[in-house]
Structure formats: structure tokens, C-alpha cells
N, C-alpha and C. Protein backbone atom coordinates (compact mmCIF):
# COMPACT_ATOMS: atom_id res chain seq x y z
N MET A 1 27.56 10.19 -37.35
CA MET A 1 27.26 10.61 -36.02
C MET A 1 28.47 11.70 -35.48
N SER A 2 27.78 12.27 -34.71
CA SER A 2 29.10 13.13 -34.04
C SER A 2 29.87 12.01 -32.77
N ARG A 3 30.76 12.64 -32.69
CA ARG A 3 31.33 12.32 -31.19
C ARG A 3 30.73 12.24 -30.10
N HIS A 4 30.22 13.66 -29.71
CA HIS A 4 29.26 13.86 -28.62
C HIS A 4 28.58 12.82 -28.42
N HIS A 5 27.36 13.24 -29.95
CA HIS A 5 25.78 12.12 -30.08
C HIS A 5 26.21 10.35 -29.22
N ALA A 6 27.88 10.28 -29.69
CA ALA A 6 28.24 8.82 -29.79
C ALA A 6 28.81 8.84 -28.32
N ALA A 7 28.84 9.59 -27.69
CA ALA A 7 29.48 9.30 -26.36
C ALA A 7 28.24 9.19 -25.36
N PHE A 8 27.34 10.77 -25.58
CA PHE A 8 26.09 10.09 -24.52
C PHE A 8 25.13 8.74 -24.96
N LEU A 9 24.66 8.40 -26.34
CA LEU A 9 24.59 7.00 -26.09
C LEU A 9 25.14 5.74 -25.56
N VAL A 10 26.57 5.93 -25.38
CA VAL A 10 27.16 4.93 -24.71
C VAL A 10 27.02 4.93 -22.98
N LEU A 11 26.86 6.23 -22.73
CA LEU A 11 27.13 6.51 -21.74
C LEU A 11 25.00 6.60 -20.89
N ALA A 12 24.43 6.43 -22.16
CA ALA A 12 22.95 6.33 -21.00
C ALA A 12 21.93 4.90 -21.58
N GLY A 13 22.90 4.50 -21.75
CA GLY A 13 23.15 2.30 -22.37
C GLY A 13 23.47 1.95 -20.71
N ILE A 14 24.65 2.48 -20.31
CA ILE A 14 25.45 1.80 -19.31
C ILE A 14 24.56 2.44 -18.41
N ALA A 15 23.80 4.04 -17.93
CA ALA A 15 22.59 3.81 -16.75
C ALA A 15 21.60 3.00 -17.10
N ALA A 16 21.58 2.74 -18.38
CA ALA A 16 19.84 2.07 -18.16
C ALA A 16 19.95 0.55 -18.06
N CYS A 17 21.86 -0.06 -17.85
CA CYS A 17 21.96 -1.33 -17.33
C CYS A 17 21.87 -1.41 -16.16
N ALA A 18 23.12 -0.45 -15.29
CA ALA A 18 22.56 -0.03 -14.09
C ALA A 18 21.40 -0.24 -13.38
N PHE A 19 20.06 0.90 -13.82
CA PHE A 19 18.99 0.96 -13.52
C PHE A 19 17.58 0.05 -13.54
N ALA A 20 18.76 -1.12 -14.34
CA ALA A 20 17.41 -2.09 -15.25
C ALA A 20 17.31 -2.94 -13.82
N GLY A 21 17.83 -3.14 -12.90
CA GLY A 21 18.08 -4.47 -12.49
C GLY A 21 16.57 -5.10 -11.60
N PRO A 22 16.80 -5.42 -10.69
CA PRO A 22 15.35 -6.43 -10.52
C PRO A 22 14.52 -5.03 -9.74
N ALA A 23 15.28 -3.89 -9.37
CA ALA A 23 14.54 -2.91 -8.53
C ALA A 23 13.24 -2.38 -9.62
N PHE A 24 13.79 -2.28 -10.77
CA PHE A 24 12.67 -2.31 -12.13
C PHE A 24 12.29 -3.18 -12.84
N GLY A 25 11.32 -3.23 -12.51
CA GLY A 25 10.88 -4.56 -12.87
C GLY A 25 11.74 -6.40 -13.07
N GLY A 26 12.01 -6.34 -11.69
CA GLY A 26 12.63 -7.92 -10.98
C GLY A 26 11.50 -8.89 -10.65
N ALA A 27 11.57 -10.08 -10.89
CA ALA A 27 10.26 -10.83 -11.18
C ALA A 27 9.99 -11.03 -9.05
N LYS A 28 8.90 -10.76 -9.66
CA LYS A 28 7.06 -10.74 -8.25
C LYS A 28 7.61 -11.58 -6.96
N ARG A 29 7.41 -11.09 -5.82
CA ARG A 29 7.55 -12.46 -4.91
C ARG A 29 6.05 -12.57 -4.67
N THR A 30 5.93 -13.97 -4.02
CA THR A 30 4.23 -14.07 -3.59
C THR A 30 4.49 -14.66 -2.40
N TYR A 31 3.36 -14.25 -2.20
CA TYR A 31 3.14 -14.49 -0.30
C TYR A 31 1.83 -15.11 -0.24
N ARG A 32 1.81 -16.37 0.80
CA ARG A 32 0.88 -17.15 1.35
C ARG A 32 0.94 -17.12 2.99
N GLY A 33 -0.27 -16.75 3.45
CA GLY A 33 -0.13 -17.38 4.94
C GLY A 33 0.21 -15.90 5.78
N ALA A 34 1.55 -16.18 6.40
CA ALA A 34 1.49 -15.57 7.41
C ALA A 34 3.86 -14.85 7.04
N TYR A 35 2.78 -13.62 7.09
CA TYR A 35 3.68 -13.29 6.11
C TYR A 35 4.87 -11.71 7.47
N GLU A 36 5.62 -12.23 7.47
CA GLU A 36 7.19 -11.22 8.35
C GLU A 36 7.93 -10.40 7.60
N ASN A 37 7.54 -8.65 8.00
CA ASN A 37 8.52 -7.91 7.39
C ASN A 37 9.43 -6.99 8.94
N GLY A 38 10.68 -7.48 8.60
CA GLY A 38 11.86 -7.02 9.04
C GLY A 38 12.07 -6.30 9.08
N ALA A 39 12.19 -5.34 8.31
CA ALA A 39 12.11 -4.26 7.74
C ALA A 39 11.26 -2.65 8.52
N TYR A 40 10.42 -3.25 8.51
CA TYR A 40 9.36 -1.85 9.00
C TYR A 40 8.85 -2.76 10.22
N ASN A 41 8.61 -4.01 11.26
CA ASN A 41 8.72 -4.52 12.29
C ASN A 41 7.46 -4.93 12.41
N PHE A 42 6.51 -5.44 11.00
CA PHE A 42 5.04 -6.14 11.23
C PHE A 42 5.30 -7.24 11.07
N ARG A 43 3.51 -7.92 11.35
CA ARG A 43 3.62 -9.31 10.57
C ARG A 43 2.42 -9.25 10.20
N VAL A 44 1.52 -9.96 9.94
CA VAL A 44 0.30 -10.19 9.70
C VAL A 44 0.42 -11.38 8.36
N THR A 45 -1.02 -12.14 8.54
CA THR A 45 -1.17 -13.31 7.91
C THR A 45 -2.40 -12.62 6.66
N ILE A 46 -2.21 -13.49 5.59
CA ILE A 46 -2.98 -12.86 4.16
C ILE A 46 -3.45 -14.04 4.67
N PRO A 47 -5.47 -13.57 4.53
CA PRO A 47 -5.97 -14.86 4.34
C PRO A 47 -6.12 -15.74 3.61
N LYS A 48 -6.56 -17.20 4.03
CA LYS A 48 -6.57 -17.95 3.27
C LYS A 48 -7.54 -18.14 2.03
N GLY A 49 -6.51 -18.47 0.85
CA GLY A 49 -6.96 -18.80 -0.78
C GLY A 49 -6.69 -17.83 -1.37
N LEU A 50 -5.73 -16.90 -0.83
CA LEU A 50 -5.63 -15.63 -1.67
C LEU A 50 -4.24 -14.98 -1.09
N THR A 51 -3.79 -14.54 -2.12
CA THR A 51 -1.95 -14.19 -2.70
C THR A 51 -1.87 -13.12 -2.72
N GLY A 52 -0.33 -13.25 -1.96
CA GLY A 52 0.01 -11.37 -1.95
C GLY A 52 1.41 -11.75 -2.72
N TYR A 53 1.41 -10.65 -3.77
CA TYR A 53 2.47 -9.91 -4.26
C TYR A 53 3.47 -8.72 -3.86
N ASP A 54 4.56 -8.51 -4.02
CA ASP A 54 5.22 -7.56 -3.64
C ASP A 54 5.92 -6.35 -5.26
N ASP A 55 6.51 -6.12 -5.26
CA ASP A 55 6.93 -5.09 -6.38
C ASP A 55 8.76 -5.46 -7.27
N GLY A 56 8.98 -6.21 -7.01
CA GLY A 56 9.96 -7.29 -7.72
C GLY A 56 11.30 -6.26 -6.78
N ASP A 57 11.30 -5.55 -6.41
CA ASP A 57 12.24 -4.90 -5.36
C ASP A 57 12.97 -5.31 -4.73
N PRO A 58 13.95 -6.18 -4.43
CA PRO A 58 14.97 -7.17 -3.31
C PRO A 58 15.71 -6.47 -2.05
N ASP A 59 15.56 -4.92 -2.26
CA ASP A 59 16.22 -4.11 -2.16
C ASP A 59 14.78 -3.53 -0.90
N TYR A 60 13.94 -3.08 -1.24
CA TYR A 60 12.67 -2.44 -0.68
C TYR A 60 11.42 -2.44 -0.92
N GLN A 61 11.32 -3.88 0.64
CA GLN A 61 10.47 -4.75 0.16
C GLN A 61 9.27 -3.78 1.30
N ARG A 62 8.03 -3.48 0.75
CA ARG A 62 7.79 -2.66 2.44
C ARG A 62 6.38 -3.54 2.37
N GLY A 63 5.92 -4.07 1.97
CA GLY A 63 4.71 -5.36 1.76
C GLY A 63 3.66 -5.85 0.56
N PHE A 64 2.62 -5.96 0.51
CA PHE A 64 2.10 -6.68 -0.67
C PHE A 64 1.16 -5.69 -1.21
N THR A 65 0.77 -7.22 -1.57
CA THR A 65 -0.52 -6.52 -2.95
C THR A 65 -1.25 -7.76 -3.00
N ILE A 66 -2.77 -7.34 -3.11
CA ILE A 66 -3.20 -8.75 -3.37
C ILE A 66 -4.15 -8.46 -4.60
N ASP A 67 -4.14 -9.36 -5.21
CA ASP A 67 -5.72 -8.49 -6.30
C ASP A 67 -6.62 -9.22 -6.07
N LEU A 68 -8.11 -8.53 -6.52
CA LEU A 68 -8.88 -9.90 -5.45
C LEU A 68 -9.53 -9.31 -6.89
N LYS A 69 -9.03 -9.17 -8.19
CA LYS A 69 -9.84 -9.52 -9.55
C LYS A 69 -11.01 -9.16 -10.08
N ARG A 70 -11.93 -10.54 -9.19
CA ARG A 70 -13.44 -9.86 -9.56
C ARG A 70 -13.85 -9.97 -8.23
N PRO A 71 -14.43 -8.69 -8.58
CA PRO A 71 -14.41 -7.94 -9.17
C PRO A 71 -13.18 -6.87 -9.34
N SER A 72 -13.28 -6.02 -10.32
CA SER A 72 -11.72 -5.50 -10.44
C SER A 72 -10.85 -4.87 -8.80
N SER A 73 -10.39 -5.09 -8.15
CA SER A 73 -9.82 -4.29 -6.64
C SER A 73 -8.57 -4.64 -6.83
N LYS A 74 -8.13 -4.20 -5.61
CA LYS A 74 -7.02 -4.73 -5.06
C LYS A 74 -6.34 -3.79 -2.86
N LEU A 75 -6.17 -4.33 -2.49
CA LEU A 75 -5.32 -4.81 -1.22
C LEU A 75 -4.51 -4.57 -0.89
N ASP A 76 -3.78 -3.39 -0.87
CA ASP A 76 -2.63 -3.09 -0.25
C ASP A 76 -2.23 -3.47 1.44
N VAL A 77 -1.15 -4.16 1.90
CA VAL A 77 -0.56 -3.84 2.77
C VAL A 77 1.24 -3.43 3.06
N TRP A 78 1.08 -2.17 3.42
CA TRP A 78 2.61 -1.50 3.22
C TRP A 78 2.77 -0.59 4.34
N SER A 79 4.14 -0.78 4.61
CA SER A 79 4.98 0.33 5.79
C SER A 79 5.86 1.36 5.44
N GLU A 80 5.83 2.13 5.75
CA GLU A 80 7.45 3.26 5.03
C GLU A 80 7.43 4.38 6.43
N PRO A 81 8.79 4.86 5.95
CA PRO A 81 8.85 5.57 6.82
C PRO A 81 7.74 7.18 6.92
N ASN A 82 7.83 7.20 7.61
CA ASN A 82 6.11 8.67 8.01
C ASN A 82 7.54 9.60 7.57
N SER A 83 7.39 9.75 6.65
CA SER A 83 8.48 11.14 5.69
C SER A 83 7.51 12.17 5.90
N LEU A 84 6.56 12.67 5.28
CA LEU A 84 5.54 13.18 5.38
C LEU A 84 4.99 14.05 7.24
N GLU A 85 5.03 13.37 7.81
CA GLU A 85 5.60 13.52 9.79
C GLU A 85 3.81 13.78 10.01
N TYR A 86 3.25 12.71 9.55
CA TYR A 86 1.76 12.74 10.17
C TYR A 86 1.96 12.81 11.89
N ARG A 87 1.30 13.77 12.44
CA ARG A 87 1.02 14.16 14.21
C ARG A 87 0.68 12.75 14.54
N ASN A 88 -0.53 12.52 13.38
CA ASN A 88 -1.30 11.45 14.28
C ASN A 88 -1.67 10.48 13.02
N PRO A 89 -2.50 9.53 13.44
CA PRO A 89 -3.05 8.44 11.95
C PRO A 89 -4.31 8.77 11.40
N CYS A 90 -5.17 9.89 12.35
CA CYS A 90 -6.03 10.61 11.08
C CYS A 90 -6.14 11.60 10.44
N GLN A 91 -4.61 12.09 10.78
CA GLN A 91 -4.10 12.65 9.73
C GLN A 91 -3.26 12.31 8.38
N ALA A 92 -3.27 11.27 8.43
CA ALA A 92 -2.43 10.49 7.42
C ALA A 92 -3.62 9.99 6.38
N VAL A 93 -5.00 9.14 7.02
CA VAL A 93 -5.76 9.21 6.96
C VAL A 93 -7.01 10.24 5.54
N THR A 94 -6.64 11.05 5.81
CA THR A 94 -7.16 12.33 5.46
C THR A 94 -5.95 12.75 4.16
N ALA A 95 -4.65 12.38 4.31
CA ALA A 95 -3.85 12.91 3.40
C ALA A 95 -4.32 12.08 1.96
N GLU A 96 -4.49 10.10 2.62
CA GLU A 96 -4.66 9.41 1.65
C GLU A 96 -6.12 10.47 0.65
N SER A 97 -7.32 10.55 1.26
CA SER A 97 -8.61 10.64 0.69
C SER A 97 -8.29 12.30 -0.79
N ARG A 98 -7.22 12.84 -0.04
CA ARG A 98 -6.89 13.84 -1.22
C ARG A 98 -5.60 12.96 -2.59
N TYR A 99 -5.21 11.96 -2.44
CA TYR A 99 -4.49 11.84 -3.45
C TYR A 99 -5.47 10.39 -4.04
N THR A 100 -6.53 10.19 -3.55
CA THR A 100 -7.64 9.38 -4.15
C THR A 100 -8.45 10.42 -5.34
N LYS A 101 -8.17 11.40 -5.12
CA LYS A 101 -8.72 12.39 -6.10
C LYS A 101 -7.96 12.50 -7.04
N ASP A 102 -6.45 12.00 -7.45
CA ASP A 102 -6.26 11.66 -8.89
C ASP A 102 -7.09 10.83 -9.32
N GLU A 103 -7.69 9.22 -8.35
CA GLU A 103 -8.69 8.18 -9.77
C GLU A 103 -10.37 8.66 -9.44
N ALA A 104 -10.23 9.77 -8.65
CA ALA A 104 -11.92 10.29 -9.15
C ALA A 104 -12.10 11.33 -10.53
N ARG A 105 -13.55 11.08 -10.72
CA ARG A 105 -14.30 12.04 -11.06
C ARG A 105 -15.34 12.58 -10.41
N GLY A 106 -14.29 13.57 -10.62
CA GLY A 106 -15.16 14.67 -9.14
C GLY A 106 -15.29 14.66 -8.08
N ARG A 107 -15.58 14.47 -7.09
CA ARG A 107 -15.67 14.64 -5.53
C ARG A 107 -15.20 13.69 -4.67
N VAL A 108 -14.17 13.30 -4.24
CA VAL A 108 -14.30 12.13 -3.46
C VAL A 108 -14.64 12.48 -1.96
N LEU A 109 -15.91 11.91 -1.76
CA LEU A 109 -16.66 12.21 -0.63
C LEU A 109 -15.73 10.87 0.87
N LEU A 110 -15.65 11.50 2.30
CA LEU A 110 -15.37 10.76 2.85
C LEU A 110 -15.86 10.56 3.82
N LEU A 111 -16.73 10.01 3.37
CA LEU A 111 -17.58 8.80 4.67
C LEU A 111 -17.53 8.49 5.76
N SER A 112 -16.68 7.88 6.45
CA SER A 112 -16.30 8.70 8.00
C SER A 112 -14.87 8.25 8.46
N SER A 113 -14.46 8.36 9.08
CA SER A 113 -13.17 8.32 9.56
C SER A 113 -13.30 7.87 11.27
N ARG A 114 -12.76 6.97 12.01
CA ARG A 114 -12.77 6.72 13.50
C ARG A 114 -11.13 5.69 13.87
N LYS A 115 -11.03 6.36 14.68
CA LYS A 115 -9.73 6.06 15.97
C LYS A 115 -10.40 4.44 15.90
N MET A 116 -9.11 3.54 15.96
CA MET A 116 -9.39 2.40 16.71
C MET A 116 -7.86 1.94 17.33
N MET A 117 -7.31 0.70 16.67
CA MET A 117 -6.14 -0.41 17.12
C MET A 117 -5.85 -0.97 16.64
N LEU A 118 -4.83 -0.80 15.65
CA LEU A 118 -3.67 -2.02 15.23
C LEU A 118 -3.01 -2.62 15.63
N GLY A 119 -3.27 -3.68 16.28
CA GLY A 119 -2.42 -4.31 17.30
C GLY A 119 -1.91 -3.81 18.50
N PRO A 120 -0.68 -2.90 18.80
CA PRO A 120 -0.63 -2.58 19.95
C PRO A 120 -0.84 -1.07 19.13
N MET A 121 -1.41 -0.11 18.28
CA MET A 121 -0.89 1.00 17.65
C MET A 121 -2.20 1.90 17.92
N ARG A 122 -2.19 2.53 17.84
CA ARG A 122 -3.04 3.26 17.90
C ARG A 122 -3.37 3.64 16.11
N ALA A 123 -4.26 3.50 15.21
CA ALA A 123 -4.75 4.32 14.17
C ALA A 123 -5.92 4.66 14.42
N CYS A 124 -6.42 4.72 12.87
CA CYS A 124 -7.65 5.40 12.21
C CYS A 124 -8.45 5.49 11.14
N GLU A 125 -9.32 4.61 10.80
CA GLU A 125 -9.71 4.01 9.48
C GLU A 125 -11.10 5.12 8.71
N GLY A 126 -10.51 5.16 7.72
CA GLY A 126 -11.76 6.21 6.80
C GLY A 126 -11.80 5.21 5.55
N ARG A 127 -13.08 5.81 4.92
CA ARG A 127 -14.12 5.13 4.41
C ARG A 127 -14.84 6.20 2.89
N MET A 128 -14.05 6.19 2.03
CA MET A 128 -14.81 7.06 0.69
C MET A 128 -15.26 6.27 -0.21
N ARG A 129 -15.99 7.42 -0.62
CA ARG A 129 -16.80 6.84 -1.97
C ARG A 129 -16.49 8.41 -2.82
N TYR A 130 -16.09 7.40 -4.37
CA TYR A 130 -15.90 8.46 -5.47
C TYR A 130 -16.12 7.24 -6.82
N VAL A 131 -16.55 8.15 -8.14
CA VAL A 131 -16.75 7.72 -9.70
C VAL A 131 -15.55 8.02 -10.51
N SER A 132 -15.14 6.49 -10.67
CA SER A 132 -13.82 6.53 -11.00
C SER A 132 -13.72 6.62 -12.10
N ARG A 133 -12.31 7.31 -12.61
CA ARG A 133 -12.44 8.82 -13.56
C ARG A 133 -12.20 7.40 -14.88
N ARG A 134 -11.63 5.81 -14.64
CA ARG A 134 -11.49 5.13 -16.01
C ARG A 134 -12.21 4.72 -16.23
N SER A 135 -13.15 3.72 -14.99
CA SER A 135 -14.32 3.49 -16.30
C SER A 135 -15.60 4.17 -15.30
N GLY A 136 -15.81 5.03 -14.54
CA GLY A 136 -17.00 4.96 -14.65
C GLY A 136 -18.29 4.91 -13.43
N GLU A 137 -17.81 3.69 -12.59
CA GLU A 137 -18.34 2.76 -12.41
C GLU A 137 -18.35 3.47 -10.60
N ALA A 138 -18.82 3.51 -9.48
CA ALA A 138 -18.87 4.05 -8.27
C ALA A 138 -17.82 2.94 -7.38
N TYR A 139 -17.04 4.02 -6.74
CA TYR A 139 -15.89 3.07 -6.07
C TYR A 139 -15.97 3.27 -4.69
N ALA A 140 -14.70 2.54 -4.43
CA ALA A 140 -15.12 3.03 -2.24
C ALA A 140 -13.73 3.19 -2.32
N SER A 141 -13.28 2.96 -0.85
CA SER A 141 -11.95 2.77 -0.18
C SER A 141 -12.02 2.93 1.19
N MET A 142 -11.44 1.92 1.06
CA MET A 142 -11.38 1.81 2.63
C MET A 142 -9.53 2.13 3.24
N VAL A 143 -9.35 2.91 4.13
CA VAL A 143 -7.78 2.93 4.76
C VAL A 143 -7.85 2.60 5.96
N LEU A 144 -6.31 2.07 6.38
CA LEU A 144 -6.37 1.95 7.73
C LEU A 144 -4.95 2.57 8.08
N CYS A 145 -4.26 3.86 8.73
CA CYS A 145 -3.21 4.13 8.91
C CYS A 145 -2.87 4.07 10.67
N ALA A 146 -1.35 3.78 10.69
CA ALA A 146 -0.78 3.01 11.78
C ALA A 146 0.24 4.24 11.78
N ILE A 147 0.56 4.47 13.33
CA ILE A 147 1.94 4.65 13.65
C ILE A 147 2.54 4.77 14.44
N GLY A 148 3.66 4.35 14.16
CA GLY A 148 4.98 2.82 14.89
C GLY A 148 5.42 3.89 16.45
N LYS A 149 5.91 3.31 16.75
CA LYS A 149 7.03 4.03 17.38
C LYS A 149 7.88 3.88 17.59
N ASP A 150 7.88 3.27 16.28
CA ASP A 150 9.59 3.88 15.46
C ASP A 150 9.15 4.58 14.56
N GLU A 151 8.07 5.86 14.35
CA GLU A 151 7.45 6.34 13.58
C GLU A 151 7.02 5.70 11.73
N HIS A 152 6.95 4.48 11.78
CA HIS A 152 6.80 3.78 10.54
C HIS A 152 5.73 4.58 10.26
N LEU A 153 4.87 4.37 9.17
CA LEU A 153 3.48 4.70 8.75
C LEU A 153 3.11 3.51 7.88
N HIS A 154 2.06 2.20 8.97
CA HIS A 154 1.47 1.22 8.63
C HIS A 154 -0.02 1.08 7.94
N THR A 155 0.02 0.87 6.69
CA THR A 155 -1.45 1.10 5.83
C THR A 155 -1.67 -0.14 5.56
N ILE A 156 -3.11 -0.33 5.26
CA ILE A 156 -4.16 -0.88 4.32
C ILE A 156 -4.42 -0.51 4.18
N LEU A 157 -4.74 -1.12 2.29
CA LEU A 157 -5.68 0.24 1.61
C LEU A 157 -6.44 -0.74 1.06
N TRP A 158 -7.90 -0.97 0.78
CA TRP A 158 -8.68 -1.47 0.01
C TRP A 158 -9.34 -0.10 -1.13
N ILE A 159 -8.86 -0.52 -2.39
CA ILE A 159 -9.93 0.02 -3.65
C ILE A 159 -10.91 -0.75 -4.31
N GLY A 160 -11.46 -0.14 -4.80
CA GLY A 160 -12.42 -1.22 -5.33
C GLY A 160 -14.01 -0.47 -6.01
N PRO A 161 -14.88 -1.70 -6.25
CA PRO A 161 -15.91 -0.66 -7.00
C PRO A 161 -17.12 -1.22 -5.55
N VAL A 162 -17.64 -0.61 -5.53
CA VAL A 162 -18.77 -0.36 -4.40
C VAL A 162 -19.49 -1.68 -4.24
N ARG A 163 -19.98 -2.64 -4.96
CA ARG A 163 -20.55 -3.63 -4.97
C ARG A 163 -19.66 -4.99 -4.21
N SER A 164 -17.99 -4.33 -4.12
CA SER A 164 -17.65 -5.50 -3.31
C SER A 164 -17.06 -4.68 -2.20
N LEU A 165 -17.50 -3.77 -1.50
CA LEU A 165 -17.24 -3.10 -0.13
C LEU A 165 -16.94 -4.45 0.77
N ALA A 166 -18.89 -5.46 0.71
CA ALA A 166 -18.53 -6.18 2.00
C ALA A 166 -17.46 -7.09 2.05
N ARG A 167 -17.31 -7.11 0.96
CA ARG A 167 -15.61 -8.06 0.88
C ARG A 167 -14.33 -7.83 1.77
N ALA A 168 -14.65 -7.10 0.98
CA ALA A 168 -13.63 -5.97 1.28
C ALA A 168 -13.28 -5.54 3.23
N ARG A 169 -14.36 -5.21 3.70
CA ARG A 169 -14.00 -5.35 4.61
C ARG A 169 -14.27 -6.80 5.99
N ARG A 170 -14.77 -8.00 5.48
CA ARG A 170 -14.19 -9.26 5.74
C ARG A 170 -12.44 -8.83 5.74
N LEU A 171 -11.84 -8.60 4.34
CA LEU A 171 -10.54 -9.00 4.75
C LEU A 171 -9.99 -8.66 5.63
N ILE A 172 -10.05 -7.34 5.26
CA ILE A 172 -9.47 -5.85 6.21
C ILE A 172 -9.36 -6.84 7.72
N ASP A 173 -10.62 -6.82 7.92
CA ASP A 173 -10.70 -7.21 9.37
C ASP A 173 -10.32 -8.97 9.89
N GLN A 174 -10.18 -9.54 9.04
CA GLN A 174 -9.17 -10.49 8.88
C GLN A 174 -7.51 -10.62 9.27
N LEU A 175 -6.98 -9.45 8.65
CA LEU A 175 -5.41 -8.35 8.00
C LEU A 175 -5.62 -7.89 9.88
N LYS A 176 -6.70 -7.17 10.10
CA LYS A 176 -6.14 -6.47 11.65
C LYS A 176 -6.63 -7.35 12.61
N ALA A 177 -7.00 -7.72 12.51
CA ALA A 177 -6.66 -9.40 13.99
C ALA A 177 -5.91 -10.24 13.51
N SER A 178 -5.02 -10.22 13.21
CA SER A 178 -3.28 -11.11 12.82
C SER A 178 -2.53 -9.96 12.71
N TRP A 179 -2.67 -8.76 12.96
CA TRP A 179 -1.52 -7.68 13.04
C TRP A 179 -0.85 -8.01 14.01
N GLY A 180 1.04 -8.21 13.51
CA GLY A 180 1.92 -7.62 15.00
C GLY A 180 2.52 -6.70 14.69
N TYR A 181 2.90 -6.20 15.48
CA TYR A 181 4.09 -4.78 15.85
C TYR A 181 5.29 -5.57 16.50
N ASP A 182 6.20 -5.05 15.67
CA ASP A 182 7.36 -5.91 17.25
C ASP A 182 8.63 -4.67 16.74
N HIS A 183 8.17 -3.61 16.99
CA HIS A 183 9.50 -3.04 17.49
C HIS A 183 10.48 -3.01 18.73
N ASP A 184 11.41 -3.04 18.23
CA ASP A 184 12.43 -2.62 19.41
C ASP A 184 13.73 -1.87 19.09
N PRO A 185 13.61 -1.15 19.95
CA PRO A 185 14.80 0.02 19.65
C PRO A 185 16.29 -0.24 19.59
N GLY A 186 16.31 -1.35 20.32
CA GLY A 186 17.54 -2.23 19.88
C GLY A 186 18.00 -3.19 18.68
N ARG A 187 17.60 -3.38 18.23
CA ARG A 187 17.46 -3.53 16.06
C ARG A 187 18.89 -3.58 15.75
């Protein structure tokens, strides 16, 4: 083995150690009941009997995912900087329908889009249907986006088989009803 190759392996090992901390595969935290995110100024109540979990990154806490398992579906609740500079929440919903194409076999149908409120913020909700690329099953997606005064994009996203749409609607309604937003520019 050449000295250059050995030096490369040593540097690669050091880099792997540096990047293999909690942000890359750390223990997931779980949440039940009241959830508060100080980084993005929102709070919400996870519906009774369900558990949210994050991706295990202690330095970047955006929100949580609820794995609804049966039937296989998930509900994501998160916030992030509005880095794509959406001018309004409906523009973010339309973009989400384009991202859903990666999961679809064929077209993604945006069935409806409507304006609403998420706590004190103007929001937009979209409903989509498509055929899952992986399972070939009819899938649906519901996404609700809001842009806060601090320009953060707040999102609730459900993806799952069409047959579980009614349950998803009830859970999203519970999340919406409990949503709180605490923007304080002096923070």
C-alpha cells in the first residue's frame, strides 16, 4: 500500500468518525401528548395513543413523524426555513405535489387545494392521489402548509393507502385544532 493510499484511508476514517455522531443515526427521541418546538416556535398535541419520533439529530430538531403502521402510512409534522421562498402556502402545497411524483407510478392528481388557517397563520391544504411506485397500490397524500411571520414553513403531511384516508383526516383535524404558534421577534 502506498503512503498516499494509507494517508487517504486515515483521513477517510477520521472523517467517518467526525460525521458518524448523533446527527447520523443517533437514538430517536419519542414524543407523546404535548410537543413544543422552540427552534421553530410551534406547539401541537400528538393524538392520544400515538407516538411521534424524530430523526435522532439533537442539533436539528424540525419536528416529528408518526408511523401509523396499519395500514402502512405516516404522518409528518415539521417546520423549516422557507428556503425556496414560497410567496404563499398554496405555492408550497403545489411544490409538494411535484415532489410526490418521485413516489408515484404515473401521474399525481392534485384533487383539491383550499385555503384555511393553522392556528393564527394562513395555510393551504392539498389532497393528492397516485399509484405507489413500490407497491402498485392506490395512495393518497394530504399536505397542509403555512408560512409564519418568521418566514418558517410549517407542514403537516400524511401519506398512505387510500383506504386509510378517513383516519388520516381525523388525525390531521386533531393536530390542526391543537396547533399553537409563538412568534416573538425578540427571542
